[in-house]
Amino acid sequence: MKGKIISLQQKLVVKLNMHDAKSRSKAMRIAVGLPGVISATIEGADMNQIAVVGDGVDSIDLTKLLRKRMGSTELVSVTPMDEKKKEEEKKPEATIAWPYQYYPIVPQQHFVYETPYSFM
């Protein structure tokens, strides 16, 4: 039975100890090196979380590699990313279009009075 392959984008948030720029760079290289990773960003108030967005990224492999090379690692969350939600969120707000009003110019009428029996 052949089935349809579903590509599910998901967002993985991993918390680990990163004290300096060198360790952040090393963690980013490890995260981006996995197959299926689309983007990786550093998050958190202390800049100690990595958010990885990818298509079919294995969360166990990611935490295992980070734990092996960086030390203490904790998987915070795994959430699916829906493309429909992104498209709905990007809709611009409706702008109010005020009607443009102008008062039309009334053509002036010039009356000419003629008397039937007068000559100039």
Protein backbone atom coordinates (compact mmCIF):
# COMPACT_ATOMS: atom_id res chain seq x y z
CA MET A 1 0.00 0.00 0.00
CA LYS A 2 1.45 3.30 -1.09
CA GLY A 3 0.58 6.23 1.08
CA LYS A 4 0.98 9.90 0.79
CA ILE A 5 4.10 11.22 2.50
CA ILE A 6 3.14 14.00 4.85
CA SER A 7 5.76 16.61 5.50
CA LEU A 8 5.20 18.04 8.94
CA GLN A 9 7.11 21.09 9.91
CA GLN A 10 7.74 21.32 13.60
CA LYS A 11 9.41 23.67 16.02
CA LEU A 12 11.77 22.20 18.60
CA VAL A 13 12.91 24.28 21.57
CA VAL A 14 16.00 22.98 23.36
CA LYS A 15 17.46 24.54 26.52
CA LEU A 16 21.17 24.21 27.18
CA ASN A 17 24.02 25.99 28.90
CA MET A 18 25.57 28.58 26.60
CA HIS A 19 27.75 31.10 28.41
CA ASP A 20 29.55 32.84 25.58
CA ALA A 21 29.35 33.50 21.85
CA LYS A 22 31.65 30.59 21.05
CA SER A 23 29.35 28.04 22.70
CA ARG A 24 26.29 29.61 21.00
CA SER A 25 28.01 29.34 17.64
CA LYS A 26 28.94 25.72 18.30
CA ALA A 27 25.37 24.83 19.28
CA MET A 28 23.99 26.54 16.18
CA ARG A 29 26.40 24.60 13.94
CA ILE A 30 25.29 21.33 15.52
CA ALA A 31 21.59 22.19 15.16
CA VAL A 32 21.85 23.35 11.55
CA GLY A 33 23.90 20.28 10.61
CA LEU A 34 20.95 17.92 11.06
CA PRO A 35 19.04 16.89 7.93
CA GLY A 36 15.69 18.63 7.47
CA VAL A 37 16.48 21.78 9.44
CA ILE A 38 15.06 24.92 7.84
CA SER A 39 16.06 27.53 10.41
CA ALA A 40 17.55 27.81 13.88
CA THR A 41 17.41 30.78 16.23
CA ILE A 42 18.62 31.54 19.73
CA GLU A 43 15.84 32.49 22.14
CA GLY A 44 15.20 33.05 25.80
CA ALA A 45 15.93 35.81 28.26
CA ASP A 46 19.41 34.41 29.00
CA MET A 47 20.01 33.42 25.35
CA ASN A 48 20.14 29.79 26.46
CA GLN A 49 17.49 28.23 24.20
CA ILE A 50 17.71 27.15 20.59
CA ALA A 51 14.52 27.05 18.50
CA VAL A 52 14.88 24.75 15.49
CA VAL A 53 12.26 24.74 12.73
CA GLY A 54 12.47 21.84 10.35
CA ASP A 55 10.74 19.26 8.24
CA GLY A 56 11.07 15.81 9.79
CA VAL A 57 13.78 16.74 12.29
CA ASP A 58 14.34 14.04 14.91
CA SER A 59 14.17 15.61 18.37
CA ILE A 60 15.99 12.68 19.98
CA ASP A 61 18.96 12.98 17.61
CA LEU A 62 19.12 16.73 18.20
CA THR A 63 19.16 16.44 21.99
CA LYS A 64 21.59 13.52 21.87
CA LEU A 65 24.09 15.43 19.71
CA LEU A 66 23.81 18.59 21.78
CA ARG A 67 24.16 16.66 25.04
CA LYS A 68 27.22 14.82 23.72
CA ARG A 69 29.04 17.94 22.52
CA MET A 70 27.68 20.74 24.74
CA GLY A 71 26.77 19.12 28.06
CA SER A 72 23.46 19.43 29.89
CA THR A 73 20.56 19.65 27.40
CA GLU A 74 16.81 19.72 28.00
CA LEU A 75 14.08 19.41 25.36
CA VAL A 76 11.55 22.10 26.27
CA SER A 77 8.85 21.69 23.62
CA VAL A 78 7.98 20.17 20.27
CA THR A 79 5.10 21.88 18.45
CA PRO A 80 3.82 21.43 14.90
CA MET A 81 3.98 24.42 12.59
CA ASP A 82 0.87 24.97 10.48
CA GLU A 83 1.30 26.85 7.23
CA LYS A 84 -2.34 27.91 7.26
CA LYS A 85 -1.90 29.77 10.51
CA LYS A 86 1.05 31.69 9.10
CA GLU A 87 -0.92 32.74 6.04
CA GLU A 88 -3.85 33.87 8.17
CA GLU A 89 -1.62 35.87 10.48
CA LYS A 90 0.07 37.73 7.64
CA LYS A 91 -3.15 39.28 6.37
CA PRO A 92 -2.86 43.06 6.59
CA GLU A 93 -5.45 44.91 8.57
CA ALA A 94 -8.25 46.50 6.63
CA THR A 95 -7.71 50.18 6.02
CA ILE A 96 -10.54 52.65 6.20
CA ALA A 97 -11.18 54.32 2.89
CA TRP A 98 -12.88 57.61 3.51
CA PRO A 99 -14.92 58.77 0.52
CA TYR A 100 -13.45 61.65 -1.37
CA GLN A 101 -16.04 64.41 -1.55
CA TYR A 102 -16.00 67.44 -3.70
CA TYR A 103 -18.73 69.80 -4.57
CA PRO A 104 -19.35 69.97 -8.29
CA ILE A 105 -19.31 73.33 -9.97
CA VAL A 106 -22.73 74.37 -11.10
CA PRO A 107 -22.54 75.78 -14.61
CA GLN A 108 -23.54 79.41 -14.74
CA GLN A 109 -26.41 80.26 -16.99
CA HIS A 110 -26.46 83.56 -18.82
CA PHE A 111 -29.85 84.84 -19.77
CA VAL A 112 -30.36 87.09 -22.74
CA TYR A 113 -33.55 89.05 -22.84
CA GLU A 114 -34.72 90.05 -26.24
CA THR A 115 -37.67 92.18 -26.91
CA PRO A 116 -39.36 91.32 -30.15
CA TYR A 117 -39.47 94.81 -31.68
CA SER A 118 -36.33 96.45 -30.50
CA PHE A 119 -33.32 97.14 -32.70
CA MET A 120 -29.93 98.06 -31.68
